[in-house]
Amino acid sequence: MARKSASAKIAHDTGRDSAEVWEVIRTLVLGNADHNRILELYYWSLEPELLEMVRAYLALPPKVQTALASYLARSRARNVSAKLDERDRLVVSLTGNGGG
C-alpha cells in the first residue's frame, strides 16, 4: 500500500498521470540505473526549492546553461556570494583561492 501512496503523491506533485509515473519508475528500476543514485536523487528532490532551481536552470538557453555550469564548476572549494543589486540584478562573486 505504501507504493500506491508514494506513486499517488508523485503523480499529484508532478501533475502527471500515475500510469506515466509508474512507467518512469519501472524503467529506472528495471534498467541499468544505479539504484543508489536513484535513491540519492529522490532524497535531493525532497530539498526545499531544489526542484524549482533545477527547472529554472533547464529553462535557460543552452549557452547560458554552459556558462553557468562552467562558472559553478570553477567555484568549487571557494566562497560564493550572491546578492541582488539596486537594479534587481543577481551579482554572484567568487572569493578565495579555490584551495589549489
PDB file of N, CA and C in Angstrom:
ATOM      1  N   MET A   1       0.810  -1.188   0.000  1.00  0.00           N
ATOM      2  CA  MET A   1       0.000   0.000   0.000  1.00  0.00           C
ATOM      3  C   MET A   1       0.859   1.259   0.000  1.00  0.00           C
ATOM      4  N   ALA A   2       2.047   1.177   0.589  1.00  0.00           N
ATOM      5  CA  ALA A   2       2.919   2.347   0.621  1.00  0.00           C
ATOM      6  C   ALA A   2       3.302   2.771  -0.793  1.00  0.00           C
ATOM      7  N   ARG A   3       3.464   1.794  -1.687  1.00  0.00           N
ATOM      8  CA  ARG A   3       3.813   2.129  -3.066  1.00  0.00           C
ATOM      9  C   ARG A   3       2.723   2.961  -3.726  1.00  0.00           C
ATOM     10  N   LYS A   4       1.479   2.576  -3.526  1.00  0.00           N
ATOM     11  CA  LYS A   4       0.380   3.333  -4.127  1.00  0.00           C
ATOM     12  C   LYS A   4       0.343   4.752  -3.567  1.00  0.00           C
ATOM     13  N   SER A   5       0.550   4.896  -2.267  1.00  0.00           N
ATOM     14  CA  SER A   5       0.553   6.224  -1.664  1.00  0.00           C
ATOM     15  C   SER A   5       1.685   7.067  -2.222  1.00  0.00           C
ATOM     16  N   ALA A   6       2.876   6.479  -2.332  1.00  0.00           N
ATOM     17  CA  ALA A   6       4.023   7.212  -2.861  1.00  0.00           C
ATOM     18  C   ALA A   6       3.795   7.593  -4.312  1.00  0.00           C
ATOM     19  N   SER A   7       3.267   6.657  -5.114  1.00  0.00           N
ATOM     20  CA  SER A   7       3.045   6.974  -6.524  1.00  0.00           C
ATOM     21  C   SER A   7       1.965   8.034  -6.693  1.00  0.00           C
ATOM     22  N   ALA A   8       0.949   7.979  -5.845  1.00  0.00           N
ATOM     23  CA  ALA A   8      -0.110   8.989  -5.920  1.00  0.00           C
ATOM     24  C   ALA A   8       0.456  10.361  -5.576  1.00  0.00           C
ATOM     25  N   LYS A   9       1.339  10.413  -4.566  1.00  0.00           N
ATOM     26  CA  LYS A   9       1.959  11.688  -4.198  1.00  0.00           C
ATOM     27  C   LYS A   9       2.840  12.190  -5.339  1.00  0.00           C
ATOM     28  N   ILE A  10       3.634  11.327  -5.935  1.00  0.00           N
ATOM     29  CA  ILE A  10       4.493  11.717  -7.056  1.00  0.00           C
ATOM     30  C   ILE A  10       3.641  12.212  -8.206  1.00  0.00           C
ATOM     31  N   ALA A  11       2.604  11.468  -8.536  1.00  0.00           N
ATOM     32  CA  ALA A  11       1.730  11.861  -9.640  1.00  0.00           C
ATOM     33  C   ALA A  11       1.083  13.211  -9.358  1.00  0.00           C
ATOM     34  N   HIS A  12       0.631  13.398  -8.115  1.00  0.00           N
ATOM     35  CA  HIS A  12       0.000  14.670  -7.749  1.00  0.00           C
ATOM     36  C   HIS A  12       1.014  15.808  -7.806  1.00  0.00           C
ATOM     37  N   ASP A  13       2.197  15.595  -7.223  1.00  0.00           N
ATOM     38  CA  ASP A  13       3.219  16.640  -7.167  1.00  0.00           C
ATOM     39  C   ASP A  13       3.724  17.033  -8.551  1.00  0.00           C
ATOM     40  N   THR A  14       3.802  16.086  -9.465  1.00  0.00           N
ATOM     41  CA  THR A  14       4.321  16.388 -10.797  1.00  0.00           C
ATOM     42  C   THR A  14       3.224  16.724 -11.782  1.00  0.00           C
ATOM     43  N   GLY A  15       1.958  16.504 -11.388  1.00  0.00           N
ATOM     44  CA  GLY A  15       0.858  16.775 -12.298  1.00  0.00           C
ATOM     45  C   GLY A  15       0.758  15.745 -13.414  1.00  0.00           C
ATOM     46  N   ARG A  16       1.373  14.608 -13.227  1.00  0.00           N
ATOM     47  CA  ARG A  16       1.374  13.563 -14.255  1.00  0.00           C
ATOM     48  C   ARG A  16       0.427  12.449 -13.864  1.00  0.00           C
ATOM     49  N   ASP A  17      -0.047  11.764 -14.876  1.00  0.00           N
ATOM     50  CA  ASP A  17      -0.883  10.592 -14.673  1.00  0.00           C
ATOM     51  C   ASP A  17      -0.071   9.531 -13.946  1.00  0.00           C
ATOM     52  N   SER A  18      -0.680   8.855 -12.998  1.00  0.00           N
ATOM     53  CA  SER A  18       0.032   7.877 -12.200  1.00  0.00           C
ATOM     54  C   SER A  18       0.606   6.736 -13.047  1.00  0.00           C
ATOM     55  N   ALA A  19      -0.052   6.363 -14.127  1.00  0.00           N
ATOM     56  CA  ALA A  19       0.482   5.311 -15.002  1.00  0.00           C
ATOM     57  C   ALA A  19       1.809   5.759 -15.622  1.00  0.00           C
ATOM     58  N   GLU A  20       1.889   7.026 -15.983  1.00  0.00           N
ATOM     59  CA  GLU A  20       3.125   7.557 -16.564  1.00  0.00           C
ATOM     60  C   GLU A  20       4.243   7.540 -15.526  1.00  0.00           C
ATOM     61  N   VAL A  21       3.924   7.915 -14.301  1.00  0.00           N
ATOM     62  CA  VAL A  21       4.923   7.917 -13.237  1.00  0.00           C
ATOM     63  C   VAL A  21       5.417   6.503 -12.988  1.00  0.00           C
ATOM     64  N   TRP A  22       4.503   5.542 -12.916  1.00  0.00           N
ATOM     65  CA  TRP A  22       4.916   4.148 -12.699  1.00  0.00           C
ATOM     66  C   TRP A  22       5.783   3.654 -13.847  1.00  0.00           C
ATOM     67  N   GLU A  23       5.516   4.091 -15.065  1.00  0.00           N
ATOM     68  CA  GLU A  23       6.342   3.677 -16.205  1.00  0.00           C
ATOM     69  C   GLU A  23       7.767   4.209 -16.057  1.00  0.00           C
ATOM     70  N   VAL A  24       7.901   5.444 -15.605  1.00  0.00           N
ATOM     71  CA  VAL A  24       9.230   6.015 -15.378  1.00  0.00           C
ATOM     72  C   VAL A  24       9.949   5.242 -14.275  1.00  0.00           C
ATOM     73  N   ILE A  25       9.248   4.977 -13.175  1.00  0.00           N
ATOM     74  CA  ILE A  25       9.850   4.225 -12.074  1.00  0.00           C
ATOM     75  C   ILE A  25      10.266   2.837 -12.540  1.00  0.00           C
ATOM     76  N   ARG A  26       9.398   2.175 -13.286  1.00  0.00           N
ATOM     77  CA  ARG A  26       9.707   0.834 -13.807  1.00  0.00           C
ATOM     78  C   ARG A  26      10.945   0.862 -14.679  1.00  0.00           C
ATOM     79  N   THR A  27      11.033   1.850 -15.548  1.00  0.00           N
ATOM     80  CA  THR A  27      12.187   1.973 -16.443  1.00  0.00           C
ATOM     81  C   THR A  27      13.469   2.167 -15.637  1.00  0.00           C
ATOM     82  N   LEU A  28      13.416   3.007 -14.609  1.00  0.00           N
ATOM     83  CA  LEU A  28      14.593   3.249 -13.786  1.00  0.00           C
ATOM     84  C   LEU A  28      15.023   2.007 -13.022  1.00  0.00           C
ATOM     85  N   VAL A  29      14.059   1.327 -12.432  1.00  0.00           N
ATOM     86  CA  VAL A  29      14.367   0.166 -11.601  1.00  0.00           C
ATOM     87  C   VAL A  29      14.822  -1.027 -12.433  1.00  0.00           C
ATOM     88  N   LEU A  30      14.167  -1.268 -13.560  1.00  0.00           N
ATOM     89  CA  LEU A  30      14.498  -2.443 -14.365  1.00  0.00           C
ATOM     90  C   LEU A  30      15.647  -2.194 -15.340  1.00  0.00           C
ATOM     91  N   GLY A  31      15.969  -0.948 -15.563  1.00  0.00           N
ATOM     92  CA  GLY A  31      17.056  -0.609 -16.479  1.00  0.00           C
ATOM     93  C   GLY A  31      18.406  -0.756 -15.815  1.00  0.00           C
ATOM     94  N   ASN A  32      19.384  -0.132 -16.403  1.00  0.00           N
ATOM     95  CA  ASN A  32      20.747  -0.216 -15.887  1.00  0.00           C
ATOM     96  C   ASN A  32      21.074   0.906 -14.913  1.00  0.00           C
ATOM     97  N   ALA A  33      20.057   1.575 -14.412  1.00  0.00           N
ATOM     98  CA  ALA A  33      20.284   2.692 -13.498  1.00  0.00           C
ATOM     99  C   ALA A  33      20.858   2.197 -12.178  1.00  0.00           C
ATOM    100  N   ASP A  34      21.741   2.984 -11.613  1.00  0.00           N
ATOM    101  CA  ASP A  34      22.324   2.694 -10.306  1.00  0.00           C
ATOM    102  C   ASP A  34      21.267   3.004  -9.246  1.00  0.00           C
ATOM    103  N   HIS A  35      20.814   1.970  -8.540  1.00  0.00           N
ATOM    104  CA  HIS A  35      19.740   2.143  -7.567  1.00  0.00           C
ATOM    105  C   HIS A  35      20.116   3.113  -6.447  1.00  0.00           C
ATOM    106  N   ASN A  36      21.393   3.118  -6.056  1.00  0.00           N
ATOM    107  CA  ASN A  36      21.825   4.069  -5.027  1.00  0.00           C
ATOM    108  C   ASN A  36      21.686   5.500  -5.534  1.00  0.00           C
ATOM    109  N   ARG A  37      21.984   5.708  -6.809  1.00  0.00           N
ATOM    110  CA  ARG A  37      21.869   7.046  -7.403  1.00  0.00           C
ATOM    111  C   ARG A  37      20.400   7.471  -7.470  1.00  0.00           C
ATOM    112  N   ILE A  38      19.520   6.540  -7.808  1.00  0.00           N
ATOM    113  CA  ILE A  38      18.088   6.849  -7.848  1.00  0.00           C
ATOM    114  C   ILE A  38      17.611   7.278  -6.470  1.00  0.00           C
ATOM    115  N   LEU A  39      18.022   6.552  -5.439  1.00  0.00           N
ATOM    116  CA  LEU A  39      17.634   6.897  -4.074  1.00  0.00           C
ATOM    117  C   LEU A  39      18.200   8.263  -3.683  1.00  0.00           C
ATOM    118  N   GLU A  40      19.438   8.532  -4.067  1.00  0.00           N
ATOM    119  CA  GLU A  40      20.047   9.831  -3.786  1.00  0.00           C
ATOM    120  C   GLU A  40      19.258  10.952  -4.466  1.00  0.00           C
ATOM    121  N   LEU A  41      18.878  10.739  -5.714  1.00  0.00           N
ATOM    122  CA  LEU A  41      18.090  11.747  -6.426  1.00  0.00           C
ATOM    123  C   LEU A  41      16.741  11.966  -5.757  1.00  0.00           C
ATOM    124  N   TYR A  42      16.145  10.889  -5.269  1.00  0.00           N
ATOM    125  CA  TYR A  42      14.878  11.026  -4.553  1.00  0.00           C
ATOM    126  C   TYR A  42      15.071  11.912  -3.313  1.00  0.00           C
ATOM    127  N   TYR A  43      16.108  11.633  -2.530  1.00  0.00           N
ATOM    128  CA  TYR A  43      16.342  12.437  -1.328  1.00  0.00           C
ATOM    129  C   TYR A  43      16.631  13.891  -1.678  1.00  0.00           C
ATOM    130  N   TRP A  44      17.405  14.129  -2.731  1.00  0.00           N
ATOM    131  CA  TRP A  44      17.658  15.500  -3.164  1.00  0.00           C
ATOM    132  C   TRP A  44      16.360  16.184  -3.577  1.00  0.00           C
ATOM    133  N   SER A  45      15.443  15.430  -4.168  1.00  0.00           N
ATOM    134  CA  SER A  45      14.188  16.019  -4.629  1.00  0.00           C
ATOM    135  C   SER A  45      13.328  16.525  -3.471  1.00  0.00           C
ATOM    136  N   LEU A  46      13.616  16.057  -2.270  1.00  0.00           N
ATOM    137  CA  LEU A  46      12.860  16.497  -1.099  1.00  0.00           C
ATOM    138  C   LEU A  46      13.367  17.825  -0.537  1.00  0.00           C
ATOM    139  N   GLU A  47      14.516  18.287  -1.005  1.00  0.00           N
ATOM    140  CA  GLU A  47      15.070  19.554  -0.523  1.00  0.00           C
ATOM    141  C   GLU A  47      14.191  20.719  -0.976  1.00  0.00           C
ATOM    142  N   PRO A  48      13.879  21.620  -0.071  1.00  0.00           N
ATOM    143  CA  PRO A  48      13.032  22.761  -0.431  1.00  0.00           C
ATOM    144  C   PRO A  48      13.637  23.577  -1.565  1.00  0.00           C
ATOM    145  N   GLU A  49      12.854  23.858  -2.542  1.00  0.00           N
ATOM    146  CA  GLU A  49      13.186  24.733  -3.672  1.00  0.00           C
ATOM    147  C   GLU A  49      14.229  24.181  -4.645  1.00  0.00           C
ATOM    148  N   LEU A  50      14.815  23.014  -4.373  1.00  0.00           N
ATOM    149  CA  LEU A  50      15.827  22.490  -5.276  1.00  0.00           C
ATOM    150  C   LEU A  50      15.244  22.169  -6.648  1.00  0.00           C
ATOM    151  N   LEU A  51      14.073  21.534  -6.682  1.00  0.00           N
ATOM    152  CA  LEU A  51      13.471  21.200  -7.969  1.00  0.00           C
ATOM    153  C   LEU A  51      13.157  22.456  -8.781  1.00  0.00           C
ATOM    154  N   GLU A  52      12.712  23.506  -8.107  1.00  0.00           N
ATOM    155  CA  GLU A  52      12.434  24.756  -8.820  1.00  0.00           C
ATOM    156  C   GLU A  52      13.715  25.341  -9.399  1.00  0.00           C
ATOM    157  N   MET A  53      14.820  25.227  -8.668  1.00  0.00           N
ATOM    158  CA  MET A  53      16.102  25.709  -9.180  1.00  0.00           C
ATOM    159  C   MET A  53      16.539  24.900 -10.396  1.00  0.00           C
ATOM    160  N   VAL A  54      16.366  23.597 -10.337  1.00  0.00           N
ATOM    161  CA  VAL A  54      16.730  22.739 -11.468  1.00  0.00           C
ATOM    162  C   VAL A  54      15.854  23.070 -12.669  1.00  0.00           C
ATOM    163  N   ARG A  55      14.565  23.237 -12.443  1.00  0.00           N
ATOM    164  CA  ARG A  55      13.664  23.593 -13.546  1.00  0.00           C
ATOM    165  C   ARG A  55      14.049  24.932 -14.168  1.00  0.00           C
ATOM    166  N   ALA A  56      14.402  25.894 -13.325  1.00  0.00           N
ATOM    167  CA  ALA A  56      14.813  27.206 -13.831  1.00  0.00           C
ATOM    168  C   ALA A  56      16.094  27.083 -14.649  1.00  0.00           C
ATOM    169  N   TYR A  57      17.038  26.288 -14.178  1.00  0.00           N
ATOM    170  CA  TYR A  57      18.292  26.066 -14.909  1.00  0.00           C
ATOM    171  C   TYR A  57      18.012  25.413 -16.268  1.00  0.00           C
ATOM    172  N   LEU A  58      17.158  24.405 -16.272  1.00  0.00           N
ATOM    173  CA  LEU A  58      16.843  23.700 -17.517  1.00  0.00           C
ATOM    174  C   LEU A  58      16.078  24.573 -18.500  1.00  0.00           C
ATOM    175  N   ALA A  59      15.417  25.603 -18.005  1.00  0.00           N
ATOM    176  CA  ALA A  59      14.682  26.521 -18.878  1.00  0.00           C
ATOM    177  C   ALA A  59      15.603  27.550 -19.539  1.00  0.00           C
ATOM    178  N   LEU A  60      16.836  27.648 -19.041  1.00  0.00           N
ATOM    179  CA  LEU A  60      17.784  28.601 -19.621  1.00  0.00           C
ATOM    180  C   LEU A  60      18.224  28.144 -21.011  1.00  0.00           C
ATOM    181  N   PRO A  61      18.600  29.087 -21.878  1.00  0.00           N
ATOM    182  CA  PRO A  61      19.147  28.707 -23.187  1.00  0.00           C
ATOM    183  C   PRO A  61      20.440  27.897 -22.985  1.00  0.00           C
ATOM    184  N   PRO A  62      20.737  26.970 -23.892  1.00  0.00           N
ATOM    185  CA  PRO A  62      21.918  26.109 -23.738  1.00  0.00           C
ATOM    186  C   PRO A  62      23.229  26.876 -23.495  1.00  0.00           C
ATOM    187  N   LYS A  63      23.441  27.997 -24.173  1.00  0.00           N
ATOM    188  CA  LYS A  63      24.684  28.756 -23.973  1.00  0.00           C
ATOM    189  C   LYS A  63      24.769  29.307 -22.551  1.00  0.00           C
ATOM    190  N   VAL A  64      23.638  29.721 -22.000  1.00  0.00           N
ATOM    191  CA  VAL A  64      23.625  30.241 -20.632  1.00  0.00           C
ATOM    192  C   VAL A  64      23.861  29.098 -19.652  1.00  0.00           C
ATOM    193  N   GLN A  65      23.256  27.939 -19.901  1.00  0.00           N
ATOM    194  CA  GLN A  65      23.488  26.766 -19.047  1.00  0.00           C
ATOM    195  C   GLN A  65      24.966  26.424 -19.013  1.00  0.00           C
ATOM    196  N   THR A  66      25.602  26.413 -20.188  1.00  0.00           N
ATOM    197  CA  THR A  66      27.022  26.072 -20.286  1.00  0.00           C
ATOM    198  C   THR A  66      27.873  27.068 -19.509  1.00  0.00           C
ATOM    199  N   ALA A  67      27.590  28.358 -19.682  1.00  0.00           N
ATOM    200  CA  ALA A  67      28.360  29.385 -18.975  1.00  0.00           C
ATOM    201  C   ALA A  67      28.176  29.266 -17.466  1.00  0.00           C
ATOM    202  N   LEU A  68      26.936  29.068 -17.026  1.00  0.00           N
ATOM    203  CA  LEU A  68      26.665  28.955 -15.594  1.00  0.00           C
ATOM    204  C   LEU A  68      27.309  27.699 -15.016  1.00  0.00           C
ATOM    205  N   ALA A  69      27.201  26.578 -15.716  1.00  0.00           N
ATOM    206  CA  ALA A  69      27.803  25.325 -15.244  1.00  0.00           C
ATOM    207  C   ALA A  69      29.323  25.467 -15.138  1.00  0.00           C
ATOM    208  N   SER A  70      29.944  26.129 -16.100  1.00  0.00           N
ATOM    209  CA  SER A  70      31.386  26.350 -16.072  1.00  0.00           C
ATOM    210  C   SER A  70      31.776  27.221 -14.883  1.00  0.00           C
ATOM    211  N   TYR A  71      31.018  28.272 -14.662  1.00  0.00           N
ATOM    212  CA  TYR A  71      31.271  29.173 -13.542  1.00  0.00           C
ATOM    213  C   TYR A  71      31.159  28.427 -12.216  1.00  0.00           C
ATOM    214  N   LEU A  72      30.099  27.660 -12.068  1.00  0.00           N
ATOM    215  CA  LEU A  72      29.892  26.939 -10.812  1.00  0.00           C
ATOM    216  C   LEU A  72      30.948  25.856 -10.610  1.00  0.00           C
ATOM    217  N   ALA A  73      31.384  25.207 -11.695  1.00  0.00           N
ATOM    218  CA  ALA A  73      32.424  24.189 -11.576  1.00  0.00           C
ATOM    219  C   ALA A  73      33.738  24.810 -11.094  1.00  0.00           C
ATOM    220  N   ARG A  74      34.021  26.022 -11.552  1.00  0.00           N
ATOM    221  CA  ARG A  74      35.241  26.717 -11.111  1.00  0.00           C
ATOM    222  C   ARG A  74      35.123  27.190  -9.674  1.00  0.00           C
ATOM    223  N   SER A  75      33.919  27.277  -9.154  1.00  0.00           N
ATOM    224  CA  SER A  75      33.712  27.830  -7.814  1.00  0.00           C
ATOM    225  C   SER A  75      33.912  26.809  -6.708  1.00  0.00           C
ATOM    226  N   ARG A  76      34.153  25.564  -7.046  1.00  0.00           N
ATOM    227  CA  ARG A  76      34.320  24.541  -6.005  1.00  0.00           C
ATOM    228  C   ARG A  76      35.438  24.925  -5.051  1.00  0.00           C
ATOM    229  N   ALA A  77      35.213  24.670  -3.790  1.00  0.00           N
ATOM    230  CA  ALA A  77      36.178  24.941  -2.722  1.00  0.00           C
ATOM    231  C   ALA A  77      36.455  26.435  -2.571  1.00  0.00           C
ATOM    232  N   ARG A  78      35.574  27.263  -3.067  1.00  0.00           N
ATOM    233  CA  ARG A  78      35.695  28.703  -2.886  1.00  0.00           C
ATOM    234  C   ARG A  78      34.446  29.203  -2.171  1.00  0.00           C
ATOM    235  N   ASN A  79      34.553  30.388  -1.678  1.00  0.00           N
ATOM    236  CA  ASN A  79      33.375  31.031  -1.113  1.00  0.00           C
ATOM    237  C   ASN A  79      32.614  31.709  -2.239  1.00  0.00           C
ATOM    238  N   VAL A  80      31.349  31.415  -2.334  1.00  0.00           N
ATOM    239  CA  VAL A  80      30.499  32.032  -3.346  1.00  0.00           C
ATOM    240  C   VAL A  80      29.504  32.925  -2.622  1.00  0.00           C
ATOM    241  N   SER A  81      29.384  34.156  -3.101  1.00  0.00           N
ATOM    242  CA  SER A  81      28.374  35.038  -2.533  1.00  0.00           C
ATOM    243  C   SER A  81      27.445  35.477  -3.652  1.00  0.00           C
ATOM    244  N   ALA A  82      26.206  35.743  -3.287  1.00  0.00           N
ATOM    245  CA  ALA A  82      25.219  36.193  -4.262  1.00  0.00           C
ATOM    246  C   ALA A  82      24.328  37.224  -3.599  1.00  0.00           C
ATOM    247  N   LYS A  83      24.001  38.264  -4.364  1.00  0.00           N
ATOM    248  CA  LYS A  83      23.094  39.289  -3.854  1.00  0.00           C
ATOM    249  C   LYS A  83      22.399  39.949  -5.031  1.00  0.00           C
ATOM    250  N   LEU A  84      21.294  40.610  -4.729  1.00  0.00           N
ATOM    251  CA  LEU A  84      20.607  41.415  -5.731  1.00  0.00           C
ATOM    252  C   LEU A  84      21.086  42.850  -5.584  1.00  0.00           C
ATOM    253  N   ASP A  85      21.415  43.482  -6.707  1.00  0.00           N
ATOM    254  CA  ASP A  85      21.834  44.879  -6.640  1.00  0.00           C
ATOM    255  C   ASP A  85      20.622  45.801  -6.701  1.00  0.00           C
ATOM    256  N   GLU A  86      20.872  47.103  -6.740  1.00  0.00           N
ATOM    257  CA  GLU A  86      19.781  48.085  -6.706  1.00  0.00           C
ATOM    258  C   GLU A  86      18.877  48.018  -7.925  1.00  0.00           C
ATOM    259  N   ARG A  87      19.351  47.410  -9.025  1.00  0.00           N
ATOM    260  CA  ARG A  87      18.524  47.270 -10.233  1.00  0.00           C
ATOM    261  C   ARG A  87      17.939  45.860 -10.344  1.00  0.00           C
ATOM    262  N   ASP A  88      17.952  45.118  -9.219  1.00  0.00           N
ATOM    263  CA  ASP A  88      17.381  43.766  -9.138  1.00  0.00           C
ATOM    264  C   ASP A  88      18.119  42.765 -10.019  1.00  0.00           C
ATOM    265  N   ARG A  89      19.417  43.004 -10.217  1.00  0.00           N
ATOM    266  CA  ARG A  89      20.259  42.056 -10.949  1.00  0.00           C
ATOM    267  C   ARG A  89      20.968  41.169  -9.929  1.00  0.00           C
ATOM    268  N   LEU A  90      21.133  39.920 -10.304  1.00  0.00           N
ATOM    269  CA  LEU A  90      21.851  38.983  -9.448  1.00  0.00           C
ATOM    270  C   LEU A  90      23.353  39.153  -9.675  1.00  0.00           C
ATOM    271  N   VAL A  91      24.081  39.374  -8.594  1.00  0.00           N
ATOM    272  CA  VAL A  91      25.531  39.521  -8.662  1.00  0.00           C
ATOM    273  C   VAL A  91      26.128  38.347  -7.894  1.00  0.00           C
ATOM    274  N   VAL A  92      26.871  37.482  -8.608  1.00  0.00           N
ATOM    275  CA  VAL A  92      27.497  36.312  -7.997  1.00  0.00           C
ATOM    276  C   VAL A  92      29.003  36.528  -8.029  1.00  0.00           C
ATOM    277  N   SER A  93      29.649  36.297  -6.904  1.00  0.00           N
ATOM    278  CA  SER A  93      31.080  36.541  -6.798  1.00  0.00           C
ATOM    279  C   SER A  93      31.784  35.347  -6.165  1.00  0.00           C
ATOM    280  N   LEU A  94      33.023  35.121  -6.615  1.00  0.00           N
ATOM    281  CA  LEU A  94      33.887  34.097  -6.019  1.00  0.00           C
ATOM    282  C   LEU A  94      34.955  34.806  -5.208  1.00  0.00           C
ATOM    283  N   THR A  95      35.267  34.270  -4.037  1.00  0.00           N
ATOM    284  CA  THR A  95      36.357  34.799  -3.237  1.00  0.00           C
ATOM    285  C   THR A  95      37.213  33.639  -2.801  1.00  0.00           C
ATOM    286  N   GLY A  96      38.440  33.887  -2.495  1.00  0.00           N
ATOM    287  CA  GLY A  96      39.347  32.836  -2.066  1.00  0.00           C
ATOM    288  C   GLY A  96      40.109  32.268  -3.246  1.00  0.00           C
ATOM    289  N   ASN A  97      41.035  31.368  -2.944  1.00  0.00           N
ATOM    290  CA  ASN A  97      41.907  30.842  -3.981  1.00  0.00           C
ATOM    291  C   ASN A  97      41.497  29.472  -4.492  1.00  0.00           C
ATOM    292  N   GLY A  98      40.388  28.910  -4.008  1.00  0.00           N
ATOM    293  CA  GLY A  98      39.907  27.626  -4.503  1.00  0.00           C
ATOM    294  C   GLY A  98      40.630  26.436  -3.913  1.00  0.00           C
ATOM    295  N   GLY A  99      41.512  26.654  -3.008  1.00  0.00           N
ATOM    296  CA  GLY A  99      42.178  25.539  -2.339  1.00  0.00           C
ATOM    297  C   GLY A  99      43.190  24.830  -3.196  1.00  0.00           C
ATOM    298  N   GLY A 100      43.670  25.455  -4.252  1.00  0.00           N
ATOM    299  CA  GLY A 100      44.751  24.841  -5.004  1.00  0.00           C
ATOM    300  C   GLY A 100      44.552  24.869  -6.390  1.00  0.00           C
TER     301      GLY A 100
END
